Amino acid sequence: QVQLVESGGGLVQPGGSLRLSCAASARIFGINAMAWYRQAPGKQRELVAAMTSGGSTNYAESVKGRFTISRDNAKNLVYLQMNSLKPEDTADYYCKVDRRDGTVMYYYWGRGTQVTVSS
């Protein structure tokens, strides 16, 4: 069973930057998409950024121009570069990988990393 582990979260001042990483315990074949989600206290989990296997990306409107999703296939890593952070970006951030095996989809989630934006 592949495991995803996020890292890079922490406390940062408004306007600051963080880079989140998501490491897979093993090479994942047949990746359909990778994504970052976040969940703030008392709110539903929401999609922040996603990247398809072909490299297409999409972002939540609230983070466009500030966040960038990227990957390193050789290292089984997915990144989320977050710039110009705002207090409303405070949340637990989760990595998700979708894998296709024939007609069956598999979904892998990390346990999350906390991001707090505060002065």
PDB file of N, CA and C in Angstrom:
ATOM      1  N   GLN A   1       0.842  -1.189   0.000  1.00  0.00           N
ATOM      2  CA  GLN A   1       0.000   0.000   0.000  1.00  0.00           C
ATOM      3  C   GLN A   1       0.882   1.246   0.000  1.00  0.00           C
ATOM      4  N   VAL A   2       0.714   2.058  -0.997  1.00  0.00           N
ATOM      5  CA  VAL A   2       1.496   3.287  -1.094  1.00  0.00           C
ATOM      6  C   VAL A   2       1.012   4.289  -0.059  1.00  0.00           C
ATOM      7  N   GLN A   3       1.962   4.940   0.574  1.00  0.00           N
ATOM      8  CA  GLN A   3       1.632   5.991   1.539  1.00  0.00           C
ATOM      9  C   GLN A   3       2.165   7.325   1.050  1.00  0.00           C
ATOM     10  N   LEU A   4       1.410   8.372   1.335  1.00  0.00           N
ATOM     11  CA  LEU A   4       1.818   9.726   1.002  1.00  0.00           C
ATOM     12  C   LEU A   4       2.096  10.478   2.299  1.00  0.00           C
ATOM     13  N   VAL A   5       3.182  11.213   2.319  1.00  0.00           N
ATOM     14  CA  VAL A   5       3.551  11.970   3.516  1.00  0.00           C
ATOM     15  C   VAL A   5       3.848  13.404   3.106  1.00  0.00           C
ATOM     16  N   GLU A   6       3.094  14.332   3.685  1.00  0.00           N
ATOM     17  CA  GLU A   6       3.306  15.744   3.420  1.00  0.00           C
ATOM     18  C   GLU A   6       4.293  16.326   4.428  1.00  0.00           C
ATOM     19  N   SER A   7       4.990  17.353   3.993  1.00  0.00           N
ATOM     20  CA  SER A   7       5.890  18.081   4.886  1.00  0.00           C
ATOM     21  C   SER A   7       6.007  19.516   4.384  1.00  0.00           C
ATOM     22  N   GLY A   8       6.596  20.357   5.222  1.00  0.00           N
ATOM     23  CA  GLY A   8       6.847  21.735   4.823  1.00  0.00           C
ATOM     24  C   GLY A   8       5.901  22.749   5.420  1.00  0.00           C
ATOM     25  N   GLY A   9       4.907  22.282   6.144  1.00  0.00           N
ATOM     26  CA  GLY A   9       3.984  23.224   6.762  1.00  0.00           C
ATOM     27  C   GLY A   9       4.627  23.928   7.947  1.00  0.00           C
ATOM     28  N   GLY A  10       3.913  24.899   8.466  1.00  0.00           N
ATOM     29  CA  GLY A  10       4.425  25.627   9.618  1.00  0.00           C
ATOM     30  C   GLY A  10       3.747  26.956   9.777  1.00  0.00           C
ATOM     31  N   LEU A  11       4.347  27.788  10.603  1.00  0.00           N
ATOM     32  CA  LEU A  11       3.837  29.126  10.869  1.00  0.00           C
ATOM     33  C   LEU A  11       4.598  30.130  10.007  1.00  0.00           C
ATOM     34  N   VAL A  12       3.864  30.973   9.322  1.00  0.00           N
ATOM     35  CA  VAL A  12       4.487  31.978   8.466  1.00  0.00           C
ATOM     36  C   VAL A  12       3.694  33.277   8.574  1.00  0.00           C
ATOM     37  N   GLN A  13       4.377  34.385   8.418  1.00  0.00           N
ATOM     38  CA  GLN A  13       3.707  35.674   8.476  1.00  0.00           C
ATOM     39  C   GLN A  13       2.985  35.964   7.158  1.00  0.00           C
ATOM     40  N   PRO A  14       1.954  36.776   7.209  1.00  0.00           N
ATOM     41  CA  PRO A  14       1.288  37.174   5.964  1.00  0.00           C
ATOM     42  C   PRO A  14       2.286  37.751   4.979  1.00  0.00           C
ATOM     43  N   GLY A  15       2.140  37.353   3.728  1.00  0.00           N
ATOM     44  CA  GLY A  15       3.072  37.776   2.702  1.00  0.00           C
ATOM     45  C   GLY A  15       4.244  36.839   2.512  1.00  0.00           C
ATOM     46  N   GLY A  16       4.398  35.897   3.411  1.00  0.00           N
ATOM     47  CA  GLY A  16       5.501  34.962   3.337  1.00  0.00           C
ATOM     48  C   GLY A  16       5.240  33.815   2.389  1.00  0.00           C
ATOM     49  N   SER A  17       6.193  32.892   2.344  1.00  0.00           N
ATOM     50  CA  SER A  17       6.128  31.750   1.431  1.00  0.00           C
ATOM     51  C   SER A  17       6.422  30.446   2.175  1.00  0.00           C
ATOM     52  N   LEU A  18       5.859  29.396   1.648  1.00  0.00           N
ATOM     53  CA  LEU A  18       6.158  28.047   2.112  1.00  0.00           C
ATOM     54  C   LEU A  18       6.140  27.130   0.897  1.00  0.00           C
ATOM     55  N   ARG A  19       6.911  26.068   0.976  1.00  0.00           N
ATOM     56  CA  ARG A  19       6.834  25.039  -0.054  1.00  0.00           C
ATOM     57  C   ARG A  19       6.487  23.721   0.615  1.00  0.00           C
ATOM     58  N   LEU A  20       5.355  23.180   0.241  1.00  0.00           N
ATOM     59  CA  LEU A  20       4.934  21.884   0.747  1.00  0.00           C
ATOM     60  C   LEU A  20       5.442  20.783  -0.177  1.00  0.00           C
ATOM     61  N   SER A  21       5.789  19.669   0.421  1.00  0.00           N
ATOM     62  CA  SER A  21       6.213  18.503  -0.347  1.00  0.00           C
ATOM     63  C   SER A  21       5.336  17.319   0.002  1.00  0.00           C
ATOM     64  N   CYS A  22       5.149  16.468  -0.958  1.00  0.00           N
ATOM     65  CA  CYS A  22       4.391  15.240  -0.752  1.00  0.00           C
ATOM     66  C   CYS A  22       5.227  14.103  -1.308  1.00  0.00           C
ATOM     67  N   ALA A  23       5.641  13.209  -0.426  1.00  0.00           N
ATOM     68  CA  ALA A  23       6.487  12.100  -0.831  1.00  0.00           C
ATOM     69  C   ALA A  23       5.697  10.804  -0.811  1.00  0.00           C
ATOM     70  N   ALA A  24       5.882  10.028  -1.854  1.00  0.00           N
ATOM     71  CA  ALA A  24       5.247   8.712  -1.915  1.00  0.00           C
ATOM     72  C   ALA A  24       6.234   7.653  -1.434  1.00  0.00           C
ATOM     73  N   SER A  25       5.713   6.649  -0.741  1.00  0.00           N
ATOM     74  CA  SER A  25       6.571   5.612  -0.182  1.00  0.00           C
ATOM     75  C   SER A  25       7.137   4.689  -1.253  1.00  0.00           C
ATOM     76  N   ALA A  26       6.503   4.721  -2.425  1.00  0.00           N
ATOM     77  CA  ALA A  26       6.972   3.896  -3.540  1.00  0.00           C
ATOM     78  C   ALA A  26       6.560   4.551  -4.845  1.00  0.00           C
ATOM     79  N   ARG A  27       7.183   4.120  -5.900  1.00  0.00           N
ATOM     80  CA  ARG A  27       6.825   4.667  -7.203  1.00  0.00           C
ATOM     81  C   ARG A  27       5.372   4.299  -7.502  1.00  0.00           C
ATOM     82  N   ILE A  28       4.621   5.286  -7.947  1.00  0.00           N
ATOM     83  CA  ILE A  28       3.212   5.060  -8.285  1.00  0.00           C
ATOM     84  C   ILE A  28       3.088   5.055  -9.802  1.00  0.00           C
ATOM     85  N   PHE A  29       2.654   3.945 -10.328  1.00  0.00           N
ATOM     86  CA  PHE A  29       2.481   3.817 -11.768  1.00  0.00           C
ATOM     87  C   PHE A  29       1.029   4.095 -12.140  1.00  0.00           C
ATOM     88  N   GLY A  30       0.852   4.646 -13.311  1.00  0.00           N
ATOM     89  CA  GLY A  30      -0.500   4.887 -13.780  1.00  0.00           C
ATOM     90  C   GLY A  30      -1.160   6.094 -13.133  1.00  0.00           C
ATOM     91  N   ILE A  31      -0.337   7.075 -12.738  1.00  0.00           N
ATOM     92  CA  ILE A  31      -0.914   8.263 -12.110  1.00  0.00           C
ATOM     93  C   ILE A  31      -1.809   8.996 -13.099  1.00  0.00           C
ATOM     94  N   ASN A  32      -3.001   9.296 -12.648  1.00  0.00           N
ATOM     95  CA  ASN A  32      -3.945  10.038 -13.464  1.00  0.00           C
ATOM     96  C   ASN A  32      -3.890  11.527 -13.138  1.00  0.00           C
ATOM     97  N   ALA A  33      -3.738  11.804 -11.852  1.00  0.00           N
ATOM     98  CA  ALA A  33      -3.666  13.199 -11.426  1.00  0.00           C
ATOM     99  C   ALA A  33      -3.085  13.282 -10.023  1.00  0.00           C
ATOM    100  N   MET A  34      -2.528  14.451  -9.718  1.00  0.00           N
ATOM    101  CA  MET A  34      -2.041  14.730  -8.370  1.00  0.00           C
ATOM    102  C   MET A  34      -2.654  16.053  -7.953  1.00  0.00           C
ATOM    103  N   ALA A  35      -2.892  16.198  -6.672  1.00  0.00           N
ATOM    104  CA  ALA A  35      -3.567  17.410  -6.241  1.00  0.00           C
ATOM    105  C   ALA A  35      -3.232  17.735  -4.795  1.00  0.00           C
ATOM    106  N   TRP A  36      -3.451  19.001  -4.476  1.00  0.00           N
ATOM    107  CA  TRP A  36      -3.386  19.469  -3.094  1.00  0.00           C
ATOM    108  C   TRP A  36      -4.773  19.976  -2.712  1.00  0.00           C
ATOM    109  N   TYR A  37      -5.197  19.567  -1.530  1.00  0.00           N
ATOM    110  CA  TYR A  37      -6.441  20.042  -0.951  1.00  0.00           C
ATOM    111  C   TYR A  37      -6.107  20.719   0.363  1.00  0.00           C
ATOM    112  N   ARG A  38      -7.054  21.459   0.885  1.00  0.00           N
ATOM    113  CA  ARG A  38      -6.891  22.021   2.206  1.00  0.00           C
ATOM    114  C   ARG A  38      -8.232  22.040   2.925  1.00  0.00           C
ATOM    115  N   GLN A  39      -8.112  22.028   4.236  1.00  0.00           N
ATOM    116  CA  GLN A  39      -9.311  22.080   5.067  1.00  0.00           C
ATOM    117  C   GLN A  39      -9.035  22.992   6.246  1.00  0.00           C
ATOM    118  N   ALA A  40      -9.778  24.077   6.285  1.00  0.00           N
ATOM    119  CA  ALA A  40      -9.683  25.005   7.404  1.00  0.00           C
ATOM    120  C   ALA A  40     -10.644  24.574   8.496  1.00  0.00           C
ATOM    121  N   PRO A  41     -10.391  24.978   9.733  1.00  0.00           N
ATOM    122  CA  PRO A  41     -11.280  24.592  10.836  1.00  0.00           C
ATOM    123  C   PRO A  41     -12.722  24.989  10.547  1.00  0.00           C
ATOM    124  N   GLY A  42     -13.602  24.028  10.703  1.00  0.00           N
ATOM    125  CA  GLY A  42     -15.018  24.299  10.511  1.00  0.00           C
ATOM    126  C   GLY A  42     -15.469  24.393   9.072  1.00  0.00           C
ATOM    127  N   LYS A  43     -14.561  24.111   8.137  1.00  0.00           N
ATOM    128  CA  LYS A  43     -14.905  24.207   6.725  1.00  0.00           C
ATOM    129  C   LYS A  43     -14.686  22.869   6.026  1.00  0.00           C
ATOM    130  N   GLN A  44     -15.291  22.760   4.851  1.00  0.00           N
ATOM    131  CA  GLN A  44     -15.114  21.542   4.064  1.00  0.00           C
ATOM    132  C   GLN A  44     -13.750  21.540   3.383  1.00  0.00           C
ATOM    133  N   ARG A  45     -13.289  20.353   3.098  1.00  0.00           N
ATOM    134  CA  ARG A  45     -12.039  20.228   2.355  1.00  0.00           C
ATOM    135  C   ARG A  45     -12.259  20.748   0.935  1.00  0.00           C
ATOM    136  N   GLU A  46     -11.293  21.519   0.447  1.00  0.00           N
ATOM    137  CA  GLU A  46     -11.431  22.100  -0.880  1.00  0.00           C
ATOM    138  C   GLU A  46     -10.179  21.856  -1.711  1.00  0.00           C
ATOM    139  N   LEU A  47     -10.381  21.781  -3.007  1.00  0.00           N
ATOM    140  CA  LEU A  47      -9.267  21.620  -3.933  1.00  0.00           C
ATOM    141  C   LEU A  47      -8.499  22.928  -4.024  1.00  0.00           C
ATOM    142  N   VAL A  48      -7.184  22.826  -3.902  1.00  0.00           N
ATOM    143  CA  VAL A  48      -6.320  23.993  -4.023  1.00  0.00           C
ATOM    144  C   VAL A  48      -5.657  24.022  -5.399  1.00  0.00           C
ATOM    145  N   ALA A  49      -5.058  22.908  -5.776  1.00  0.00           N
ATOM    146  CA  ALA A  49      -4.348  22.842  -7.054  1.00  0.00           C
ATOM    147  C   ALA A  49      -4.281  21.398  -7.506  1.00  0.00           C
ATOM    148  N   ALA A  50      -4.291  21.196  -8.809  1.00  0.00           N
ATOM    149  CA  ALA A  50      -4.232  19.848  -9.351  1.00  0.00           C
ATOM    150  C   ALA A  50      -3.388  19.843 -10.616  1.00  0.00           C
ATOM    151  N   MET A  51      -2.802  18.693 -10.873  1.00  0.00           N
ATOM    152  CA  MET A  51      -2.012  18.511 -12.083  1.00  0.00           C
ATOM    153  C   MET A  51      -2.306  17.138 -12.668  1.00  0.00           C
ATOM    154  N   THR A  52      -2.630  17.095 -13.946  1.00  0.00           N
ATOM    155  CA  THR A  52      -2.881  15.812 -14.597  1.00  0.00           C
ATOM    156  C   THR A  52      -1.561  15.158 -14.973  1.00  0.00           C
ATOM    157  N   SER A  53      -1.643  13.908 -15.395  1.00  0.00           N
ATOM    158  CA  SER A  53      -0.448  13.204 -15.818  1.00  0.00           C
ATOM    159  C   SER A  53       0.199  13.868 -17.024  1.00  0.00           C
ATOM    160  N   GLY A  54      -0.612  14.579 -17.790  1.00  0.00           N
ATOM    161  CA  GLY A  54      -0.085  15.278 -18.953  1.00  0.00           C
ATOM    162  C   GLY A  54       0.513  16.629 -18.638  1.00  0.00           C
ATOM    163  N   GLY A  55       0.389  17.051 -17.387  1.00  0.00           N
ATOM    164  CA  GLY A  55       0.992  18.311 -16.984  1.00  0.00           C
ATOM    165  C   GLY A  55       0.041  19.496 -16.923  1.00  0.00           C
ATOM    166  N   SER A  56      -1.218  19.295 -17.291  1.00  0.00           N
ATOM    167  CA  SER A  56      -2.188  20.385 -17.182  1.00  0.00           C
ATOM    168  C   SER A  56      -2.472  20.675 -15.718  1.00  0.00           C
ATOM    169  N   THR A  57      -2.655  21.947 -15.422  1.00  0.00           N
ATOM    170  CA  THR A  57      -2.889  22.338 -14.040  1.00  0.00           C
ATOM    171  C   THR A  57      -4.165  23.152 -13.919  1.00  0.00           C
ATOM    172  N   ASN A  58      -4.740  23.128 -12.756  1.00  0.00           N
ATOM    173  CA  ASN A  58      -5.828  24.041 -12.436  1.00  0.00           C
ATOM    174  C   ASN A  58      -5.743  24.403 -10.957  1.00  0.00           C
ATOM    175  N   TYR A  59      -6.216  25.579 -10.662  1.00  0.00           N
ATOM    176  CA  TYR A  59      -6.090  26.149  -9.331  1.00  0.00           C
ATOM    177  C   TYR A  59      -7.413  26.726  -8.854  1.00  0.00           C
ATOM    178  N   ALA A  60      -7.587  26.708  -7.550  1.00  0.00           N
ATOM    179  CA  ALA A  60      -8.710  27.427  -6.971  1.00  0.00           C
ATOM    180  C   ALA A  60      -8.516  28.911  -7.261  1.00  0.00           C
ATOM    181  N   GLU A  61      -9.610  29.603  -7.489  1.00  0.00           N
ATOM    182  CA  GLU A  61      -9.528  31.028  -7.795  1.00  0.00           C
ATOM    183  C   GLU A  61      -8.777  31.797  -6.709  1.00  0.00           C
ATOM    184  N   SER A  62      -8.962  31.376  -5.484  1.00  0.00           N
ATOM    185  CA  SER A  62      -8.387  32.101  -4.355  1.00  0.00           C
ATOM    186  C   SER A  62      -6.861  32.018  -4.294  1.00  0.00           C
ATOM    187  N   VAL A  63      -6.274  31.071  -5.031  1.00  0.00           N
ATOM    188  CA  VAL A  63      -4.814  30.903  -4.959  1.00  0.00           C
ATOM    189  C   VAL A  63      -4.128  31.154  -6.293  1.00  0.00           C
ATOM    190  N   LYS A  64      -4.894  31.414  -7.324  1.00  0.00           N
ATOM    191  CA  LYS A  64      -4.298  31.644  -8.641  1.00  0.00           C
ATOM    192  C   LYS A  64      -3.306  32.792  -8.593  1.00  0.00           C
ATOM    193  N   GLY A  65      -2.153  32.557  -9.200  1.00  0.00           N
ATOM    194  CA  GLY A  65      -1.123  33.579  -9.234  1.00  0.00           C
ATOM    195  C   GLY A  65      -0.232  33.585  -8.003  1.00  0.00           C
ATOM    196  N   ARG A  66      -0.637  32.822  -6.982  1.00  0.00           N
ATOM    197  CA  ARG A  66       0.164  32.780  -5.744  1.00  0.00           C
ATOM    198  C   ARG A  66       0.743  31.387  -5.480  1.00  0.00           C
ATOM    199  N   PHE A  67      -0.003  30.356  -5.856  1.00  0.00           N
ATOM    200  CA  PHE A  67       0.420  28.980  -5.599  1.00  0.00           C
ATOM    201  C   PHE A  67       0.792  28.305  -6.913  1.00  0.00           C
ATOM    202  N   THR A  68       1.754  27.384  -6.816  1.00  0.00           N
ATOM    203  CA  THR A  68       2.166  26.613  -7.986  1.00  0.00           C
ATOM    204  C   THR A  68       2.360  25.162  -7.601  1.00  0.00           C
ATOM    205  N   ILE A  69       1.705  24.278  -8.340  1.00  0.00           N
ATOM    206  CA  ILE A  69       1.885  22.840  -8.129  1.00  0.00           C
ATOM    207  C   ILE A  69       2.922  22.337  -9.130  1.00  0.00           C
ATOM    208  N   SER A  70       3.773  21.444  -8.654  1.00  0.00           N
ATOM    209  CA  SER A  70       4.781  20.865  -9.543  1.00  0.00           C
ATOM    210  C   SER A  70       5.096  19.454  -9.067  1.00  0.00           C
ATOM    211  N   ARG A  71       5.863  18.724  -9.847  1.00  0.00           N
ATOM    212  CA  ARG A  71       6.179  17.349  -9.482  1.00  0.00           C
ATOM    213  C   ARG A  71       7.592  17.006  -9.907  1.00  0.00           C
ATOM    214  N   ASP A  72       8.114  15.996  -9.244  1.00  0.00           N
ATOM    215  CA  ASP A  72       9.404  15.419  -9.618  1.00  0.00           C
ATOM    216  C   ASP A  72       9.168  13.923  -9.715  1.00  0.00           C
ATOM    217  N   ASN A  73       8.961  13.441 -10.930  1.00  0.00           N
ATOM    218  CA  ASN A  73       8.612  12.029 -11.109  1.00  0.00           C
ATOM    219  C   ASN A  73       9.718  11.101 -10.628  1.00  0.00           C
ATOM    220  N   ALA A  74      10.949  11.510 -10.840  1.00  0.00           N
ATOM    221  CA  ALA A  74      12.065  10.648 -10.465  1.00  0.00           C
ATOM    222  C   ALA A  74      12.146  10.439  -8.957  1.00  0.00           C
ATOM    223  N   LYS A  75      11.704  11.446  -8.214  1.00  0.00           N
ATOM    224  CA  LYS A  75      11.772  11.369  -6.756  1.00  0.00           C
ATOM    225  C   LYS A  75      10.416  11.068  -6.121  1.00  0.00           C
ATOM    226  N   ASN A  76       9.424  10.828  -6.941  1.00  0.00           N
ATOM    227  CA  ASN A  76       8.075  10.564  -6.402  1.00  0.00           C
ATOM    228  C   ASN A  76       7.608  11.691  -5.484  1.00  0.00           C
ATOM    229  N   LEU A  77       7.816  12.911  -5.911  1.00  0.00           N
ATOM    230  CA  LEU A  77       7.459  14.057  -5.093  1.00  0.00           C
ATOM    231  C   LEU A  77       6.504  14.981  -5.825  1.00  0.00           C
ATOM    232  N   VAL A  78       5.601  15.555  -5.060  1.00  0.00           N
ATOM    233  CA  VAL A  78       4.706  16.595  -5.549  1.00  0.00           C
ATOM    234  C   VAL A  78       4.901  17.800  -4.636  1.00  0.00           C
ATOM    235  N   TYR A  79       4.962  18.968  -5.231  1.00  0.00           N
ATOM    236  CA  TYR A  79       5.212  20.172  -4.455  1.00  0.00           C
ATOM    237  C   TYR A  79       4.051  21.157  -4.592  1.00  0.00           C
ATOM    238  N   LEU A  80       3.955  21.995  -3.584  1.00  0.00           N
ATOM    239  CA  LEU A  80       3.044  23.139  -3.680  1.00  0.00           C
ATOM    240  C   LEU A  80       3.812  24.350  -3.174  1.00  0.00           C
ATOM    241  N   GLN A  81       4.194  25.207  -4.085  1.00  0.00           N
ATOM    242  CA  GLN A  81       4.859  26.450  -3.717  1.00  0.00           C
ATOM    243  C   GLN A  81       3.790  27.486  -3.432  1.00  0.00           C
ATOM    244  N   MET A  82       3.839  28.042  -2.238  1.00  0.00           N
ATOM    245  CA  MET A  82       2.824  29.003  -1.818  1.00  0.00           C
ATOM    246  C   MET A  82       3.501  30.334  -1.522  1.00  0.00           C
ATOM    247  N   ASN A  83       3.144  31.333  -2.263  1.00  0.00           N
ATOM    248  CA  ASN A  83       3.696  32.678  -2.089  1.00  0.00           C
ATOM    249  C   ASN A  83       2.596  33.647  -1.683  1.00  0.00           C
ATOM    250  N   SER A  84       3.012  34.778  -1.187  1.00  0.00           N
ATOM    251  CA  SER A  84       2.064  35.839  -0.793  1.00  0.00           C
ATOM    252  C   SER A  84       0.947  35.274   0.069  1.00  0.00           C
ATOM    253  N   LEU A  85       1.340  34.512   1.062  1.00  0.00           N
ATOM    254  CA  LEU A  85       0.350  33.842   1.897  1.00  0.00           C
ATOM    255  C   LEU A  85      -0.502  34.834   2.672  1.00  0.00           C
ATOM    256  N   LYS A  86      -1.753  34.439   2.852  1.00  0.00           N
ATOM    257  CA  LYS A  86      -2.727  35.265   3.559  1.00  0.00           C
ATOM    258  C   LYS A  86      -3.267  34.485   4.751  1.00  0.00           C
ATOM    259  N   PRO A  87      -3.785  35.189   5.749  1.00  0.00           N
ATOM    260  CA  PRO A  87      -4.361  34.469   6.902  1.00  0.00           C
ATOM    261  C   PRO A  87      -5.432  33.462   6.485  1.00  0.00           C
ATOM    262  N   GLU A  88      -6.173  33.760   5.445  1.00  0.00           N
ATOM    263  CA  GLU A  88      -7.222  32.833   5.006  1.00  0.00           C
ATOM    264  C   GLU A  88      -6.666  31.569   4.342  1.00  0.00           C
ATOM    265  N   ASP A  89      -5.367  31.505   4.135  1.00  0.00           N
ATOM    266  CA  ASP A  89      -4.747  30.281   3.640  1.00  0.00           C
ATOM    267  C   ASP A  89      -4.472  29.292   4.771  1.00  0.00           C
ATOM    268  N   THR A  90      -4.695  29.714   5.987  1.00  0.00           N
ATOM    269  CA  THR A  90      -4.485  28.832   7.138  1.00  0.00           C
ATOM    270  C   THR A  90      -5.390  27.613   7.039  1.00  0.00           C
ATOM    271  N   ALA A  91      -4.796  26.438   7.085  1.00  0.00           N
ATOM    272  CA  ALA A  91      -5.554  25.189   6.933  1.00  0.00           C
ATOM    273  C   ALA A  91      -4.591  24.015   7.066  1.00  0.00           C
ATOM    274  N   ASP A  92      -5.174  22.839   7.131  1.00  0.00           N
ATOM    275  CA  ASP A  92      -4.401  21.606   6.956  1.00  0.00           C
ATOM    276  C   ASP A  92      -4.380  21.302   5.464  1.00  0.00           C
ATOM    277  N   TYR A  93      -3.202  21.031   4.949  1.00  0.00           N
ATOM    278  CA  TYR A  93      -3.049  20.777   3.518  1.00  0.00           C
ATOM    279  C   TYR A  93      -2.765  19.295   3.291  1.00  0.00           C
ATOM    280  N   TYR A  94      -3.491  18.739   2.313  1.00  0.00           N
ATOM    281  CA  TYR A  94      -3.417  17.310   2.031  1.00  0.00           C
ATOM    282  C   TYR A  94      -3.012  17.071   0.586  1.00  0.00           C
ATOM    283  N   CYS A  95      -2.195  16.068   0.408  1.00  0.00           N
ATOM    284  CA  CYS A  95      -1.798  15.629  -0.917  1.00  0.00           C
ATOM    285  C   CYS A  95      -2.689  14.461  -1.333  1.00  0.00           C
ATOM    286  N   LYS A  96      -3.050  14.416  -2.595  1.00  0.00           N
ATOM    287  CA  LYS A  96      -3.882  13.330  -3.120  1.00  0.00           C
ATOM    288  C   LYS A  96      -3.335  12.896  -4.469  1.00  0.00           C
ATOM    289  N   VAL A  97      -3.278  11.598  -4.653  1.00  0.00           N
ATOM    290  CA  VAL A  97      -2.846  11.043  -5.933  1.00  0.00           C
ATOM    291  C   VAL A  97      -3.917  10.086  -6.433  1.00  0.00           C
ATOM    292  N   ASP A  98      -4.319  10.255  -7.674  1.00  0.00           N
ATOM    293  CA  ASP A  98      -5.274   9.358  -8.319  1.00  0.00           C
ATOM    294  C   ASP A  98      -4.508   8.455  -9.274  1.00  0.00           C
ATOM    295  N   ARG A  99      -4.762   7.179  -9.146  1.00  0.00           N
ATOM    296  CA  ARG A  99      -4.079   6.209 -10.010  1.00  0.00           C
ATOM    297  C   ARG A  99      -5.108   5.376 -10.758  1.00  0.00           C
ATOM    298  N   ARG A 100      -4.841   5.174 -12.033  1.00  0.00           N
ATOM    299  CA  ARG A 100      -5.733   4.350 -12.845  1.00  0.00           C
ATOM    300  C   ARG A 100      -5.047   3.021 -13.166  1.00  0.00           C
ATOM    301  N   ASP A 101      -5.776   1.944 -12.915  1.00  0.00           N
ATOM    302  CA  ASP A 101      -5.296   0.608 -13.271  1.00  0.00           C
ATOM    303  C   ASP A 101      -6.393  -0.035 -14.110  1.00  0.00           C
ATOM    304  N   GLY A 102      -6.259   0.094 -15.421  1.00  0.00           N
ATOM    305  CA  GLY A 102      -7.324  -0.372 -16.296  1.00  0.00           C
ATOM    306  C   GLY A 102      -8.536   0.515 -16.128  1.00  0.00           C
ATOM    307  N   THR A 103      -9.632  -0.069 -15.695  1.00  0.00           N
ATOM    308  CA  THR A 103     -10.860   0.688 -15.497  1.00  0.00           C
ATOM    309  C   THR A 103     -11.080   1.049 -14.037  1.00  0.00           C
ATOM    310  N   VAL A 104     -10.142   0.679 -13.192  1.00  0.00           N
ATOM    311  CA  VAL A 104     -10.293   0.919 -11.755  1.00  0.00           C
ATOM    312  C   VAL A 104      -9.441   2.116 -11.344  1.00  0.00           C
ATOM    313  N   MET A 105     -10.055   3.010 -10.550  1.00  0.00           N
ATOM    314  CA  MET A 105      -9.333   4.165 -10.013  1.00  0.00           C
ATOM    315  C   MET A 105      -8.990   3.908  -8.549  1.00  0.00           C
ATOM    316  N   TYR A 106      -7.784   4.302  -8.192  1.00  0.00           N
ATOM    317  CA  TYR A 106      -7.354   4.244  -6.800  1.00  0.00           C
ATOM    318  C   TYR A 106      -7.025   5.661  -6.364  1.00  0.00           C
ATOM    319  N   TYR A 107      -7.344   5.954  -5.091  1.00  0.00           N
ATOM    320  CA  TYR A 107      -7.116   7.290  -4.550  1.00  0.00           C
ATOM    321  C   TYR A 107      -6.273   7.186  -3.280  1.00  0.00           C
ATOM    322  N   TYR A 108      -5.202   7.944  -3.260  1.00  0.00           N
ATOM    323  CA  TYR A 108      -4.310   7.937  -2.110  1.00  0.00           C
ATOM    324  C   TYR A 108      -4.284   9.332  -1.494  1.00  0.00           C
ATOM    325  N   TRP A 109      -4.372   9.360  -0.180  1.00  0.00           N
ATOM    326  CA  TRP A 109      -4.343  10.621   0.571  1.00  0.00           C
ATOM    327  C   TRP A 109      -3.219  10.586   1.586  1.00  0.00           C
ATOM    328  N   GLY A 110      -2.590  11.742   1.770  1.00  0.00           N
ATOM    329  CA  GLY A 110      -1.669  11.891   2.869  1.00  0.00           C
ATOM    330  C   GLY A 110      -2.426  12.273   4.127  1.00  0.00           C
ATOM    331  N   ARG A 111      -1.700  12.402   5.218  1.00  0.00           N
ATOM    332  CA  ARG A 111      -2.345  12.730   6.500  1.00  0.00           C
ATOM    333  C   ARG A 111      -2.389  14.224   6.763  1.00  0.00           C
ATOM    334  N   GLY A 112      -1.742  14.983   5.923  1.00  0.00           N
ATOM    335  CA  GLY A 112      -1.838  16.430   6.033  1.00  0.00           C
ATOM    336  C   GLY A 112      -0.668  17.085   6.743  1.00  0.00           C
ATOM    337  N   THR A 113      -0.501  18.347   6.417  1.00  0.00           N
ATOM    338  CA  THR A 113       0.482  19.186   7.097  1.00  0.00           C
ATOM    339  C   THR A 113      -0.179  20.533   7.376  1.00  0.00           C
ATOM    340  N   GLN A 114       0.076  21.062   8.549  1.00  0.00           N
ATOM    341  CA  GLN A 114      -0.626  22.276   8.974  1.00  0.00           C
ATOM    342  C   GLN A 114       0.110  23.524   8.514  1.00  0.00           C
ATOM    343  N   VAL A 115      -0.653  24.450   7.978  1.00  0.00           N
ATOM    344  CA  VAL A 115      -0.121  25.751   7.577  1.00  0.00           C
ATOM    345  C   VAL A 115      -0.881  26.824   8.339  1.00  0.00           C
ATOM    346  N   THR A 116      -0.141  27.655   9.039  1.00  0.00           N
ATOM    347  CA  THR A 116      -0.738  28.761   9.781  1.00  0.00           C
ATOM    348  C   THR A 116      -0.117  30.064   9.311  1.00  0.00           C
ATOM    349  N   VAL A 117      -0.957  30.965   8.849  1.00  0.00           N
ATOM    350  CA  VAL A 117      -0.490  32.268   8.380  1.00  0.00           C
ATOM    351  C   VAL A 117      -0.991  33.303   9.375  1.00  0.00           C
ATOM    352  N   SER A 118      -0.052  33.867  10.121  1.00  0.00           N
ATOM    353  CA  SER A 118      -0.429  34.789  11.176  1.00  0.00           C
ATOM    354  C   SER A 118       0.753  35.673  11.530  1.00  0.00           C
ATOM    355  N   SER A 119       0.430  36.883  11.939  1.00  0.00           N
ATOM    356  CA  SER A 119       1.486  37.783  12.397  1.00  0.00           C
ATOM    357  C   SER A 119       1.644  37.695  13.906  1.00  0.00           C
TER     358      SER A 119
END
